[in-house]
Amino acid sequence: MNRRRHSVEDDFPPQLSDDQFYRALSSYHRRCVLSYLLEENETTVDELATVLCGWETTTTGTMQTSTDHSKIHVALVHVHLPKLVDAGLIEYEPNIGSVQINILHPQVVDIIRQSVGVRQSDDS
């Protein structure tokens, strides 16, 4: 009999052994983007900026301005979304501004959901 043993590694998502995955999750804004996309599946950069502004208002108790919205929009386009793409977590079409979450292993989804409540002071 030539039976193959089932190992834990068989069910281990490749992202969990990739430093790029953890760098992607190191930002509160990126975790919020992923959390939102887990619920909505697809959205636009502008909608993400609006959602992040809303979460900032809830978190800090301070209303966000149009300047804050613009800063978040720029950070999404130039920092956050490219890092999430590089980690293989999302698809981003800059020409049309659409953002879509990739199919993720259930363990990765659990980590994202659990990590949204954890806010770090460094959000780069």
PDB file of N, CA and C in Angstrom:
ATOM      1  N   MET A   1       0.830  -1.185   0.000  1.00  0.00           N
ATOM      2  CA  MET A   1       0.000   0.000   0.000  1.00  0.00           C
ATOM      3  C   MET A   1       0.871   1.243   0.000  1.00  0.00           C
ATOM      4  N   ASN A   2       0.508   2.128  -0.839  1.00  0.00           N
ATOM      5  CA  ASN A   2       1.268   3.367  -0.933  1.00  0.00           C
ATOM      6  C   ASN A   2       0.371   4.532  -0.548  1.00  0.00           C
ATOM      7  N   ARG A   3       0.168   4.698   0.748  1.00  0.00           N
ATOM      8  CA  ARG A   3      -0.703   5.769   1.233  1.00  0.00           C
ATOM      9  C   ARG A   3       0.089   7.039   1.459  1.00  0.00           C
ATOM     10  N   ARG A   4      -0.521   8.104   1.120  1.00  0.00           N
ATOM     11  CA  ARG A   4       0.095   9.406   1.374  1.00  0.00           C
ATOM     12  C   ARG A   4      -0.419   9.912   2.708  1.00  0.00           C
ATOM     13  N   ARG A   5       0.487  10.321   3.557  1.00  0.00           N
ATOM     14  CA  ARG A   5       0.098  10.855   4.860  1.00  0.00           C
ATOM     15  C   ARG A   5      -0.387  12.282   4.697  1.00  0.00           C
ATOM     16  N   HIS A   6      -1.425  12.595   5.415  1.00  0.00           N
ATOM     17  CA  HIS A   6      -1.940  13.963   5.439  1.00  0.00           C
ATOM     18  C   HIS A   6      -1.106  14.758   6.427  1.00  0.00           C
ATOM     19  N   SER A   7      -0.573  15.859   5.961  1.00  0.00           N
ATOM     20  CA  SER A   7       0.220  16.688   6.872  1.00  0.00           C
ATOM     21  C   SER A   7      -0.424  18.054   7.017  1.00  0.00           C
ATOM     22  N   VAL A   8      -0.050  18.737   8.082  1.00  0.00           N
ATOM     23  CA  VAL A   8      -0.550  20.087   8.329  1.00  0.00           C
ATOM     24  C   VAL A   8      -0.146  21.002   7.182  1.00  0.00           C
ATOM     25  N   GLU A   9       1.029  20.751   6.596  1.00  0.00           N
ATOM     26  CA  GLU A   9       1.521  21.592   5.513  1.00  0.00           C
ATOM     27  C   GLU A   9       0.609  21.541   4.294  1.00  0.00           C
ATOM     28  N   ASP A  10      -0.143  20.440   4.120  1.00  0.00           N
ATOM     29  CA  ASP A  10      -1.062  20.335   2.992  1.00  0.00           C
ATOM     30  C   ASP A  10      -2.133  21.417   3.046  1.00  0.00           C
ATOM     31  N   ASP A  11      -2.534  21.792   4.249  1.00  0.00           N
ATOM     32  CA  ASP A  11      -3.587  22.780   4.418  1.00  0.00           C
ATOM     33  C   ASP A  11      -3.040  24.167   4.741  1.00  0.00           C
ATOM     34  N   PHE A  12      -1.733  24.311   4.736  1.00  0.00           N
ATOM     35  CA  PHE A  12      -1.095  25.566   5.125  1.00  0.00           C
ATOM     36  C   PHE A  12      -1.074  26.508   3.927  1.00  0.00           C
ATOM     37  N   PRO A  13      -1.767  27.644   4.029  1.00  0.00           N
ATOM     38  CA  PRO A  13      -1.780  28.566   2.897  1.00  0.00           C
ATOM     39  C   PRO A  13      -0.395  29.161   2.659  1.00  0.00           C
ATOM     40  N   PRO A  14       0.033  29.240   1.404  1.00  0.00           N
ATOM     41  CA  PRO A  14       1.375  29.744   1.120  1.00  0.00           C
ATOM     42  C   PRO A  14       1.610  31.166   1.623  1.00  0.00           C
ATOM     43  N   GLN A  15       0.568  31.995   1.678  1.00  0.00           N
ATOM     44  CA  GLN A  15       0.743  33.373   2.141  1.00  0.00           C
ATOM     45  C   GLN A  15       1.287  33.428   3.563  1.00  0.00           C
ATOM     46  N   LEU A  16       0.951  32.467   4.387  1.00  0.00           N
ATOM     47  CA  LEU A  16       1.337  32.517   5.792  1.00  0.00           C
ATOM     48  C   LEU A  16       2.832  32.317   6.012  1.00  0.00           C
ATOM     49  N   SER A  17       3.546  31.886   4.985  1.00  0.00           N
ATOM     50  CA  SER A  17       4.995  31.749   5.112  1.00  0.00           C
ATOM     51  C   SER A  17       5.730  32.840   4.336  1.00  0.00           C
ATOM     52  N   ASP A  18       5.003  33.844   3.889  1.00  0.00           N
ATOM     53  CA  ASP A  18       5.565  34.907   3.059  1.00  0.00           C
ATOM     54  C   ASP A  18       5.636  36.217   3.843  1.00  0.00           C
ATOM     55  N   ASP A  19       6.834  36.762   3.981  1.00  0.00           N
ATOM     56  CA  ASP A  19       7.000  38.027   4.702  1.00  0.00           C
ATOM     57  C   ASP A  19       6.204  39.158   4.065  1.00  0.00           C
ATOM     58  N   GLN A  20       6.044  39.109   2.756  1.00  0.00           N
ATOM     59  CA  GLN A  20       5.291  40.155   2.055  1.00  0.00           C
ATOM     60  C   GLN A  20       3.840  40.208   2.547  1.00  0.00           C
ATOM     61  N   PHE A  21       3.290  39.067   2.883  1.00  0.00           N
ATOM     62  CA  PHE A  21       1.936  38.994   3.420  1.00  0.00           C
ATOM     63  C   PHE A  21       1.845  39.770   4.731  1.00  0.00           C
ATOM     64  N   TYR A  22       2.814  39.567   5.607  1.00  0.00           N
ATOM     65  CA  TYR A  22       2.794  40.245   6.906  1.00  0.00           C
ATOM     66  C   TYR A  22       3.086  41.734   6.771  1.00  0.00           C
ATOM     67  N   ARG A  23       3.937  42.100   5.819  1.00  0.00           N
ATOM     68  CA  ARG A  23       4.155  43.529   5.567  1.00  0.00           C
ATOM     69  C   ARG A  23       2.864  44.171   5.073  1.00  0.00           C
ATOM     70  N   ALA A  24       2.124  43.448   4.252  1.00  0.00           N
ATOM     71  CA  ALA A  24       0.848  43.981   3.752  1.00  0.00           C
ATOM     72  C   ALA A  24      -0.128  44.202   4.900  1.00  0.00           C
ATOM     73  N   LEU A  25      -0.112  43.322   5.887  1.00  0.00           N
ATOM     74  CA  LEU A  25      -1.027  43.444   7.023  1.00  0.00           C
ATOM     75  C   LEU A  25      -0.523  44.393   8.108  1.00  0.00           C
ATOM     76  N   SER A  26       0.679  44.917   7.953  1.00  0.00           N
ATOM     77  CA  SER A  26       1.250  45.775   8.999  1.00  0.00           C
ATOM     78  C   SER A  26       0.580  47.143   9.074  1.00  0.00           C
ATOM     79  N   SER A  27      -0.166  47.512   8.059  1.00  0.00           N
ATOM     80  CA  SER A  27      -0.847  48.809   8.039  1.00  0.00           C
ATOM     81  C   SER A  27      -2.330  48.651   8.384  1.00  0.00           C
ATOM     82  N   TYR A  28      -2.777  49.469   9.311  1.00  0.00           N
ATOM     83  CA  TYR A  28      -4.196  49.471   9.679  1.00  0.00           C
ATOM     84  C   TYR A  28      -5.075  49.774   8.467  1.00  0.00           C
ATOM     85  N   HIS A  29      -4.669  50.733   7.640  1.00  0.00           N
ATOM     86  CA  HIS A  29      -5.467  51.065   6.453  1.00  0.00           C
ATOM     87  C   HIS A  29      -5.567  49.873   5.503  1.00  0.00           C
ATOM     88  N   ARG A  30      -4.474  49.139   5.311  1.00  0.00           N
ATOM     89  CA  ARG A  30      -4.535  47.979   4.425  1.00  0.00           C
ATOM     90  C   ARG A  30      -5.414  46.882   5.011  1.00  0.00           C
ATOM     91  N   ARG A  31      -5.348  46.690   6.327  1.00  0.00           N
ATOM     92  CA  ARG A  31      -6.234  45.694   6.955  1.00  0.00           C
ATOM     93  C   ARG A  31      -7.696  46.096   6.785  1.00  0.00           C
ATOM     94  N   CYS A  32      -7.978  47.381   6.915  1.00  0.00           N
ATOM     95  CA  CYS A  32      -9.354  47.864   6.722  1.00  0.00           C
ATOM     96  C   CYS A  32      -9.810  47.675   5.280  1.00  0.00           C
ATOM     97  N   VAL A  33      -8.918  47.939   4.323  1.00  0.00           N
ATOM     98  CA  VAL A  33      -9.243  47.720   2.909  1.00  0.00           C
ATOM     99  C   VAL A  33      -9.612  46.256   2.694  1.00  0.00           C
ATOM    100  N   LEU A  34      -8.793  45.354   3.213  1.00  0.00           N
ATOM    101  CA  LEU A  34      -9.064  43.922   3.045  1.00  0.00           C
ATOM    102  C   LEU A  34     -10.364  43.515   3.725  1.00  0.00           C
ATOM    103  N   SER A  35     -10.596  44.024   4.908  1.00  0.00           N
ATOM    104  CA  SER A  35     -11.835  43.717   5.622  1.00  0.00           C
ATOM    105  C   SER A  35     -13.050  44.177   4.821  1.00  0.00           C
ATOM    106  N   TYR A  36     -12.972  45.379   4.290  1.00  0.00           N
ATOM    107  CA  TYR A  36     -14.076  45.911   3.487  1.00  0.00           C
ATOM    108  C   TYR A  36     -14.290  45.052   2.237  1.00  0.00           C
ATOM    109  N   LEU A  37     -13.194  44.674   1.586  1.00  0.00           N
ATOM    110  CA  LEU A  37     -13.311  43.861   0.375  1.00  0.00           C
ATOM    111  C   LEU A  37     -13.818  42.451   0.668  1.00  0.00           C
ATOM    112  N   LEU A  38     -13.554  41.936   1.859  1.00  0.00           N
ATOM    113  CA  LEU A  38     -14.112  40.628   2.216  1.00  0.00           C
ATOM    114  C   LEU A  38     -15.635  40.679   2.238  1.00  0.00           C
ATOM    115  N   GLU A  39     -16.176  41.835   2.586  1.00  0.00           N
ATOM    116  CA  GLU A  39     -17.635  42.000   2.624  1.00  0.00           C
ATOM    117  C   GLU A  39     -18.210  42.397   1.263  1.00  0.00           C
ATOM    118  N   GLU A  40     -17.518  43.260   0.554  1.00  0.00           N
ATOM    119  CA  GLU A  40     -18.051  43.825  -0.694  1.00  0.00           C
ATOM    120  C   GLU A  40     -17.527  43.155  -1.956  1.00  0.00           C
ATOM    121  N   ASN A  41     -16.386  42.481  -1.874  1.00  0.00           N
ATOM    122  CA  ASN A  41     -15.733  41.793  -2.972  1.00  0.00           C
ATOM    123  C   ASN A  41     -15.081  42.734  -3.981  1.00  0.00           C
ATOM    124  N   GLU A  42     -15.785  43.773  -4.412  1.00  0.00           N
ATOM    125  CA  GLU A  42     -15.240  44.697  -5.407  1.00  0.00           C
ATOM    126  C   GLU A  42     -15.716  46.109  -5.096  1.00  0.00           C
ATOM    127  N   THR A  43     -14.849  47.087  -5.361  1.00  0.00           N
ATOM    128  CA  THR A  43     -15.187  48.479  -5.092  1.00  0.00           C
ATOM    129  C   THR A  43     -14.297  49.378  -5.932  1.00  0.00           C
ATOM    130  N   THR A  44     -14.353  50.669  -5.652  1.00  0.00           N
ATOM    131  CA  THR A  44     -13.488  51.633  -6.333  1.00  0.00           C
ATOM    132  C   THR A  44     -12.529  52.256  -5.317  1.00  0.00           C
ATOM    133  N   VAL A  45     -11.480  52.869  -5.829  1.00  0.00           N
ATOM    134  CA  VAL A  45     -10.522  53.548  -4.958  1.00  0.00           C
ATOM    135  C   VAL A  45     -11.214  54.680  -4.215  1.00  0.00           C
ATOM    136  N   ASP A  46     -12.074  55.415  -4.908  1.00  0.00           N
ATOM    137  CA  ASP A  46     -12.763  56.541  -4.271  1.00  0.00           C
ATOM    138  C   ASP A  46     -13.654  56.067  -3.121  1.00  0.00           C
ATOM    139  N   GLU A  47     -14.360  54.968  -3.343  1.00  0.00           N
ATOM    140  CA  GLU A  47     -15.210  54.432  -2.274  1.00  0.00           C
ATOM    141  C   GLU A  47     -14.360  53.963  -1.090  1.00  0.00           C
ATOM    142  N   LEU A  48     -13.218  53.338  -1.375  1.00  0.00           N
ATOM    143  CA  LEU A  48     -12.322  52.919  -0.291  1.00  0.00           C
ATOM    144  C   LEU A  48     -11.827  54.118   0.511  1.00  0.00           C
ATOM    145  N   ALA A  49     -11.480  55.202  -0.177  1.00  0.00           N
ATOM    146  CA  ALA A  49     -11.026  56.412   0.521  1.00  0.00           C
ATOM    147  C   ALA A  49     -12.131  56.949   1.421  1.00  0.00           C
ATOM    148  N   THR A  50     -13.359  56.928   0.938  1.00  0.00           N
ATOM    149  CA  THR A  50     -14.497  57.397   1.727  1.00  0.00           C
ATOM    150  C   THR A  50     -14.716  56.506   2.951  1.00  0.00           C
ATOM    151  N   VAL A  51     -14.642  55.201   2.751  1.00  0.00           N
ATOM    152  CA  VAL A  51     -14.820  54.253   3.856  1.00  0.00           C
ATOM    153  C   VAL A  51     -13.717  54.439   4.901  1.00  0.00           C
ATOM    154  N   LEU A  52     -12.475  54.567   4.446  1.00  0.00           N
ATOM    155  CA  LEU A  52     -11.365  54.758   5.387  1.00  0.00           C
ATOM    156  C   LEU A  52     -11.505  56.068   6.155  1.00  0.00           C
ATOM    157  N   CYS A  53     -11.972  57.112   5.485  1.00  0.00           N
ATOM    158  CA  CYS A  53     -12.233  58.382   6.188  1.00  0.00           C
ATOM    159  C   CYS A  53     -13.294  58.180   7.268  1.00  0.00           C
ATOM    160  N   GLY A  54     -14.323  57.432   6.944  1.00  0.00           N
ATOM    161  CA  GLY A  54     -15.377  57.149   7.922  1.00  0.00           C
ATOM    162  C   GLY A  54     -14.850  56.381   9.117  1.00  0.00           C
ATOM    163  N   TRP A  55     -14.000  55.374   8.854  1.00  0.00           N
ATOM    164  CA  TRP A  55     -13.420  54.612   9.954  1.00  0.00           C
ATOM    165  C   TRP A  55     -12.491  55.476  10.794  1.00  0.00           C
ATOM    166  N   GLU A  56     -11.760  56.379  10.143  1.00  0.00           N
ATOM    167  CA  GLU A  56     -10.887  57.302  10.885  1.00  0.00           C
ATOM    168  C   GLU A  56     -11.724  58.196  11.801  1.00  0.00           C
ATOM    169  N   THR A  57     -12.854  58.672  11.287  1.00  0.00           N
ATOM    170  CA  THR A  57     -13.741  59.509  12.097  1.00  0.00           C
ATOM    171  C   THR A  57     -14.233  58.734  13.311  1.00  0.00           C
ATOM    172  N   THR A  58     -14.631  57.491  13.087  1.00  0.00           N
ATOM    173  CA  THR A  58     -15.109  56.645  14.178  1.00  0.00           C
ATOM    174  C   THR A  58     -14.001  56.379  15.194  1.00  0.00           C
ATOM    175  N   THR A  59     -12.807  56.114  14.705  1.00  0.00           N
ATOM    176  CA  THR A  59     -11.681  55.775  15.573  1.00  0.00           C
ATOM    177  C   THR A  59     -11.179  56.975  16.370  1.00  0.00           C
ATOM    178  N   THR A  60     -11.031  58.119  15.696  1.00  0.00           N
ATOM    179  CA  THR A  60     -10.425  59.288  16.345  1.00  0.00           C
ATOM    180  C   THR A  60     -11.448  60.228  16.955  1.00  0.00           C
ATOM    181  N   GLY A  61     -12.690  60.145  16.482  1.00  0.00           N
ATOM    182  CA  GLY A  61     -13.714  61.072  16.948  1.00  0.00           C
ATOM    183  C   GLY A  61     -13.624  62.432  16.283  1.00  0.00           C
ATOM    184  N   THR A  62     -12.752  62.558  15.286  1.00  0.00           N
ATOM    185  CA  THR A  62     -12.563  63.815  14.571  1.00  0.00           C
ATOM    186  C   THR A  62     -13.078  63.671  13.147  1.00  0.00           C
ATOM    187  N   MET A  63     -13.888  64.625  12.714  1.00  0.00           N
ATOM    188  CA  MET A  63     -14.396  64.599  11.342  1.00  0.00           C
ATOM    189  C   MET A  63     -13.245  64.751  10.353  1.00  0.00           C
ATOM    190  N   GLN A  64     -13.290  63.986   9.301  1.00  0.00           N
ATOM    191  CA  GLN A  64     -12.277  64.050   8.259  1.00  0.00           C
ATOM    192  C   GLN A  64     -12.682  65.100   7.220  1.00  0.00           C
ATOM    193  N   THR A  65     -11.712  65.796   6.688  1.00  0.00           N
ATOM    194  CA  THR A  65     -11.963  66.853   5.706  1.00  0.00           C
ATOM    195  C   THR A  65     -11.739  66.318   4.296  1.00  0.00           C
ATOM    196  N   SER A  66     -12.032  67.142   3.310  1.00  0.00           N
ATOM    197  CA  SER A  66     -11.769  66.751   1.923  1.00  0.00           C
ATOM    198  C   SER A  66     -10.267  66.579   1.697  1.00  0.00           C
ATOM    199  N   THR A  67      -9.458  67.340   2.427  1.00  0.00           N
ATOM    200  CA  THR A  67      -8.001  67.178   2.344  1.00  0.00           C
ATOM    201  C   THR A  67      -7.591  65.813   2.886  1.00  0.00           C
ATOM    202  N   ASP A  68      -8.199  65.391   3.991  1.00  0.00           N
ATOM    203  CA  ASP A  68      -7.929  64.061   4.549  1.00  0.00           C
ATOM    204  C   ASP A  68      -8.311  62.975   3.546  1.00  0.00           C
ATOM    205  N   HIS A  69      -9.463  63.150   2.909  1.00  0.00           N
ATOM    206  CA  HIS A  69      -9.931  62.195   1.897  1.00  0.00           C
ATOM    207  C   HIS A  69      -8.920  62.111   0.761  1.00  0.00           C
ATOM    208  N   SER A  70      -8.438  63.253   0.304  1.00  0.00           N
ATOM    209  CA  SER A  70      -7.453  63.284  -0.787  1.00  0.00           C
ATOM    210  C   SER A  70      -6.156  62.590  -0.383  1.00  0.00           C
ATOM    211  N   LYS A  71      -5.703  62.829   0.848  1.00  0.00           N
ATOM    212  CA  LYS A  71      -4.471  62.189   1.329  1.00  0.00           C
ATOM    213  C   LYS A  71      -4.627  60.675   1.377  1.00  0.00           C
ATOM    214  N   ILE A  72      -5.766  60.222   1.858  1.00  0.00           N
ATOM    215  CA  ILE A  72      -6.017  58.778   1.918  1.00  0.00           C
ATOM    216  C   ILE A  72      -6.094  58.201   0.509  1.00  0.00           C
ATOM    217  N   HIS A  73      -6.747  58.905  -0.405  1.00  0.00           N
ATOM    218  CA  HIS A  73      -6.852  58.461  -1.796  1.00  0.00           C
ATOM    219  C   HIS A  73      -5.462  58.297  -2.407  1.00  0.00           C
ATOM    220  N   VAL A  74      -4.603  59.295  -2.218  1.00  0.00           N
ATOM    221  CA  VAL A  74      -3.233  59.243  -2.753  1.00  0.00           C
ATOM    222  C   VAL A  74      -2.459  58.086  -2.122  1.00  0.00           C
ATOM    223  N   ALA A  75      -2.593  57.911  -0.817  1.00  0.00           N
ATOM    224  CA  ALA A  75      -1.897  56.813  -0.134  1.00  0.00           C
ATOM    225  C   ALA A  75      -2.385  55.452  -0.637  1.00  0.00           C
ATOM    226  N   LEU A  76      -3.674  55.330  -0.899  1.00  0.00           N
ATOM    227  CA  LEU A  76      -4.204  54.082  -1.452  1.00  0.00           C
ATOM    228  C   LEU A  76      -3.558  53.778  -2.796  1.00  0.00           C
ATOM    229  N   VAL A  77      -3.560  54.768  -3.686  1.00  0.00           N
ATOM    230  CA  VAL A  77      -3.064  54.574  -5.052  1.00  0.00           C
ATOM    231  C   VAL A  77      -1.560  54.299  -5.083  1.00  0.00           C
ATOM    232  N   HIS A  78      -0.799  55.018  -4.278  1.00  0.00           N
ATOM    233  CA  HIS A  78       0.657  54.949  -4.387  1.00  0.00           C
ATOM    234  C   HIS A  78       1.336  54.031  -3.376  1.00  0.00           C
ATOM    235  N   VAL A  79       0.645  53.661  -2.304  1.00  0.00           N
ATOM    236  CA  VAL A  79       1.284  52.843  -1.268  1.00  0.00           C
ATOM    237  C   VAL A  79       0.487  51.569  -0.985  1.00  0.00           C
ATOM    238  N   HIS A  80      -0.720  51.734  -0.481  1.00  0.00           N
ATOM    239  CA  HIS A  80      -1.464  50.599   0.062  1.00  0.00           C
ATOM    240  C   HIS A  80      -1.898  49.574  -0.987  1.00  0.00           C
ATOM    241  N   LEU A  81      -2.536  50.016  -2.051  1.00  0.00           N
ATOM    242  CA  LEU A  81      -3.018  49.056  -3.053  1.00  0.00           C
ATOM    243  C   LEU A  81      -1.869  48.318  -3.737  1.00  0.00           C
ATOM    244  N   PRO A  82      -0.772  49.006  -4.125  1.00  0.00           N
ATOM    245  CA  PRO A  82       0.347  48.246  -4.710  1.00  0.00           C
ATOM    246  C   PRO A  82       0.917  47.179  -3.770  1.00  0.00           C
ATOM    247  N   LYS A  83       0.985  47.462  -2.475  1.00  0.00           N
ATOM    248  CA  LYS A  83       1.495  46.458  -1.532  1.00  0.00           C
ATOM    249  C   LYS A  83       0.545  45.267  -1.432  1.00  0.00           C
ATOM    250  N   LEU A  84      -0.750  45.525  -1.476  1.00  0.00           N
ATOM    251  CA  LEU A  84      -1.726  44.431  -1.424  1.00  0.00           C
ATOM    252  C   LEU A  84      -1.690  43.603  -2.704  1.00  0.00           C
ATOM    253  N   VAL A  85      -1.454  44.264  -3.841  1.00  0.00           N
ATOM    254  CA  VAL A  85      -1.298  43.544  -5.112  1.00  0.00           C
ATOM    255  C   VAL A  85      -0.049  42.670  -5.051  1.00  0.00           C
ATOM    256  N   ASP A  86       1.067  43.250  -4.603  1.00  0.00           N
ATOM    257  CA  ASP A  86       2.326  42.502  -4.518  1.00  0.00           C
ATOM    258  C   ASP A  86       2.210  41.280  -3.611  1.00  0.00           C
ATOM    259  N   ALA A  87       1.385  41.374  -2.590  1.00  0.00           N
ATOM    260  CA  ALA A  87       1.182  40.247  -1.670  1.00  0.00           C
ATOM    261  C   ALA A  87       0.197  39.221  -2.226  1.00  0.00           C
ATOM    262  N   GLY A  88      -0.398  39.520  -3.387  1.00  0.00           N
ATOM    263  CA  GLY A  88      -1.336  38.582  -4.005  1.00  0.00           C
ATOM    264  C   GLY A  88      -2.711  38.566  -3.369  1.00  0.00           C
ATOM    265  N   LEU A  89      -3.055  39.625  -2.632  1.00  0.00           N
ATOM    266  CA  LEU A  89      -4.327  39.653  -1.913  1.00  0.00           C
ATOM    267  C   LEU A  89      -5.455  40.298  -2.709  1.00  0.00           C
ATOM    268  N   ILE A  90      -5.110  41.228  -3.599  1.00  0.00           N
ATOM    269  CA  ILE A  90      -6.135  41.925  -4.377  1.00  0.00           C
ATOM    270  C   ILE A  90      -5.710  42.063  -5.833  1.00  0.00           C
ATOM    271  N   GLU A  91      -6.683  42.432  -6.650  1.00  0.00           N
ATOM    272  CA  GLU A  91      -6.452  42.870  -8.025  1.00  0.00           C
ATOM    273  C   GLU A  91      -6.830  44.340  -8.072  1.00  0.00           C
ATOM    274  N   TYR A  92      -6.018  45.136  -8.737  1.00  0.00           N
ATOM    275  CA  TYR A  92      -6.267  46.571  -8.823  1.00  0.00           C
ATOM    276  C   TYR A  92      -6.064  47.010 -10.259  1.00  0.00           C
ATOM    277  N   GLU A  93      -7.077  47.674 -10.815  1.00  0.00           N
ATOM    278  CA  GLU A  93      -7.017  48.218 -12.169  1.00  0.00           C
ATOM    279  C   GLU A  93      -6.914  49.736 -12.077  1.00  0.00           C
ATOM    280  N   PRO A  94      -5.692  50.293 -12.118  1.00  0.00           N
ATOM    281  CA  PRO A  94      -5.527  51.740 -11.934  1.00  0.00           C
ATOM    282  C   PRO A  94      -6.238  52.580 -12.992  1.00  0.00           C
ATOM    283  N   ASN A  95      -6.349  52.067 -14.210  1.00  0.00           N
ATOM    284  CA  ASN A  95      -6.984  52.844 -15.285  1.00  0.00           C
ATOM    285  C   ASN A  95      -8.449  53.141 -15.015  1.00  0.00           C
ATOM    286  N   ILE A  96      -9.124  52.216 -14.354  1.00  0.00           N
ATOM    287  CA  ILE A  96     -10.548  52.431 -14.067  1.00  0.00           C
ATOM    288  C   ILE A  96     -10.820  52.581 -12.572  1.00  0.00           C
ATOM    289  N   GLY A  97      -9.789  52.390 -11.761  1.00  0.00           N
ATOM    290  CA  GLY A  97      -9.931  52.593 -10.316  1.00  0.00           C
ATOM    291  C   GLY A  97     -10.659  51.487  -9.588  1.00  0.00           C
ATOM    292  N   SER A  98     -10.737  50.298 -10.186  1.00  0.00           N
ATOM    293  CA  SER A  98     -11.458  49.205  -9.521  1.00  0.00           C
ATOM    294  C   SER A  98     -10.501  48.357  -8.686  1.00  0.00           C
ATOM    295  N   VAL A  99     -11.024  47.864  -7.583  1.00  0.00           N
ATOM    296  CA  VAL A  99     -10.262  47.038  -6.652  1.00  0.00           C
ATOM    297  C   VAL A  99     -11.116  45.821  -6.325  1.00  0.00           C
ATOM    298  N   GLN A 100     -10.497  44.646  -6.403  1.00  0.00           N
ATOM    299  CA  GLN A 100     -11.226  43.407  -6.129  1.00  0.00           C
ATOM    300  C   GLN A 100     -10.340  42.490  -5.303  1.00  0.00           C
ATOM    301  N   ILE A 101     -10.940  41.820  -4.343  1.00  0.00           N
ATOM    302  CA  ILE A 101     -10.179  40.883  -3.516  1.00  0.00           C
ATOM    303  C   ILE A 101      -9.998  39.578  -4.277  1.00  0.00           C
ATOM    304  N   ASN A 102      -8.854  38.949  -4.095  1.00  0.00           N
ATOM    305  CA  ASN A 102      -8.604  37.639  -4.687  1.00  0.00           C
ATOM    306  C   ASN A 102      -9.246  36.563  -3.817  1.00  0.00           C
ATOM    307  N   ILE A 103      -9.353  35.372  -4.362  1.00  0.00           N
ATOM    308  CA  ILE A 103      -9.833  34.243  -3.571  1.00  0.00           C
ATOM    309  C   ILE A 103      -8.734  33.907  -2.568  1.00  0.00           C
ATOM    310  N   LEU A 104      -9.105  33.890  -1.301  1.00  0.00           N
ATOM    311  CA  LEU A 104      -8.131  33.689  -0.233  1.00  0.00           C
ATOM    312  C   LEU A 104      -8.442  32.429   0.566  1.00  0.00           C
ATOM    313  N   HIS A 105      -7.407  31.807   1.057  1.00  0.00           N
ATOM    314  CA  HIS A 105      -7.543  30.634   1.921  1.00  0.00           C
ATOM    315  C   HIS A 105      -8.319  31.043   3.178  1.00  0.00           C
ATOM    316  N   PRO A 106      -9.189  30.180   3.703  1.00  0.00           N
ATOM    317  CA  PRO A 106      -9.960  30.524   4.904  1.00  0.00           C
ATOM    318  C   PRO A 106      -9.106  30.977   6.094  1.00  0.00           C
ATOM    319  N   GLN A 107      -7.915  30.406   6.260  1.00  0.00           N
ATOM    320  CA  GLN A 107      -7.047  30.848   7.358  1.00  0.00           C
ATOM    321  C   GLN A 107      -6.587  32.288   7.154  1.00  0.00           C
ATOM    322  N   VAL A 108      -6.330  32.655   5.912  1.00  0.00           N
ATOM    323  CA  VAL A 108      -5.925  34.030   5.601  1.00  0.00           C
ATOM    324  C   VAL A 108      -7.082  34.978   5.889  1.00  0.00           C
ATOM    325  N   VAL A 109      -8.285  34.579   5.506  1.00  0.00           N
ATOM    326  CA  VAL A 109      -9.477  35.390   5.783  1.00  0.00           C
ATOM    327  C   VAL A 109      -9.636  35.590   7.289  1.00  0.00           C
ATOM    328  N   ASP A 110      -9.461  34.525   8.066  1.00  0.00           N
ATOM    329  CA  ASP A 110      -9.572  34.635   9.530  1.00  0.00           C
ATOM    330  C   ASP A 110      -8.546  35.606  10.098  1.00  0.00           C
ATOM    331  N   ILE A 111      -7.326  35.530   9.619  1.00  0.00           N
ATOM    332  CA  ILE A 111      -6.275  36.438  10.100  1.00  0.00           C
ATOM    333  C   ILE A 111      -6.632  37.879   9.781  1.00  0.00           C
ATOM    334  N   ILE A 112      -7.120  38.124   8.582  1.00  0.00           N
ATOM    335  CA  ILE A 112      -7.505  39.490   8.197  1.00  0.00           C
ATOM    336  C   ILE A 112      -8.616  39.995   9.108  1.00  0.00           C
ATOM    337  N   ARG A 113      -9.637  39.182   9.301  1.00  0.00           N
ATOM    338  CA  ARG A 113     -10.773  39.610  10.140  1.00  0.00           C
ATOM    339  C   ARG A 113     -10.331  39.886  11.576  1.00  0.00           C
ATOM    340  N   GLN A 114      -9.474  39.044  12.108  1.00  0.00           N
ATOM    341  CA  GLN A 114      -9.003  39.230  13.483  1.00  0.00           C
ATOM    342  C   GLN A 114      -8.072  40.427  13.610  1.00  0.00           C
ATOM    343  N   SER A 115      -7.357  40.744  12.542  1.00  0.00           N
ATOM    344  CA  SER A 115      -6.355  41.811  12.619  1.00  0.00           C
ATOM    345  C   SER A 115      -6.932  43.212  12.477  1.00  0.00           C
ATOM    346  N   VAL A 116      -8.159  43.335  12.028  1.00  0.00           N
ATOM    347  CA  VAL A 116      -8.739  44.666  11.829  1.00  0.00           C
ATOM    348  C   VAL A 116      -8.880  45.407  13.145  1.00  0.00           C
ATOM    349  N   GLY A 117      -9.116  44.703  14.211  1.00  0.00           N
ATOM    350  CA  GLY A 117      -9.255  45.355  15.502  1.00  0.00           C
ATOM    351  C   GLY A 117      -7.936  45.812  16.104  1.00  0.00           C
ATOM    352  N   VAL A 118      -6.831  45.402  15.501  1.00  0.00           N
ATOM    353  CA  VAL A 118      -5.511  45.749  16.024  1.00  0.00           C
ATOM    354  C   VAL A 118      -4.974  46.933  15.242  1.00  0.00           C
ATOM    355  N   ARG A 119      -4.827  48.050  15.912  1.00  0.00           N
ATOM    356  CA  ARG A 119      -4.326  49.253  15.250  1.00  0.00           C
ATOM    357  C   ARG A 119      -2.908  49.524  15.715  1.00  0.00           C
ATOM    358  N   GLN A 120      -2.027  49.748  14.755  1.00  0.00           N
ATOM    359  CA  GLN A 120      -0.645  50.089  15.084  1.00  0.00           C
ATOM    360  C   GLN A 120      -0.447  51.578  14.877  1.00  0.00           C
ATOM    361  N   SER A 121       0.511  52.145  15.593  1.00  0.00           N
ATOM    362  CA  SER A 121       0.768  53.577  15.462  1.00  0.00           C
ATOM    363  C   SER A 121       1.450  53.898  14.141  1.00  0.00           C
ATOM    364  N   ASP A 122       2.236  52.979  13.588  1.00  0.00           N
ATOM    365  CA  ASP A 122       2.906  53.223  12.313  1.00  0.00           C
ATOM    366  C   ASP A 122       2.020  52.697  11.204  1.00  0.00           C
ATOM    367  N   ASP A 123       1.532  53.566  10.357  1.00  0.00           N
ATOM    368  CA  ASP A 123       0.590  53.184   9.306  1.00  0.00           C
ATOM    369  C   ASP A 123       1.184  53.421   7.926  1.00  0.00           C
ATOM    370  N   SER A 124       2.385  52.937   7.692  1.00  0.00           N
ATOM    371  CA  SER A 124       3.020  53.136   6.388  1.00  0.00           C
ATOM    372  C   SER A 124       3.056  51.865   5.590  1.00  0.00           C
TER     373      SER A 124
END
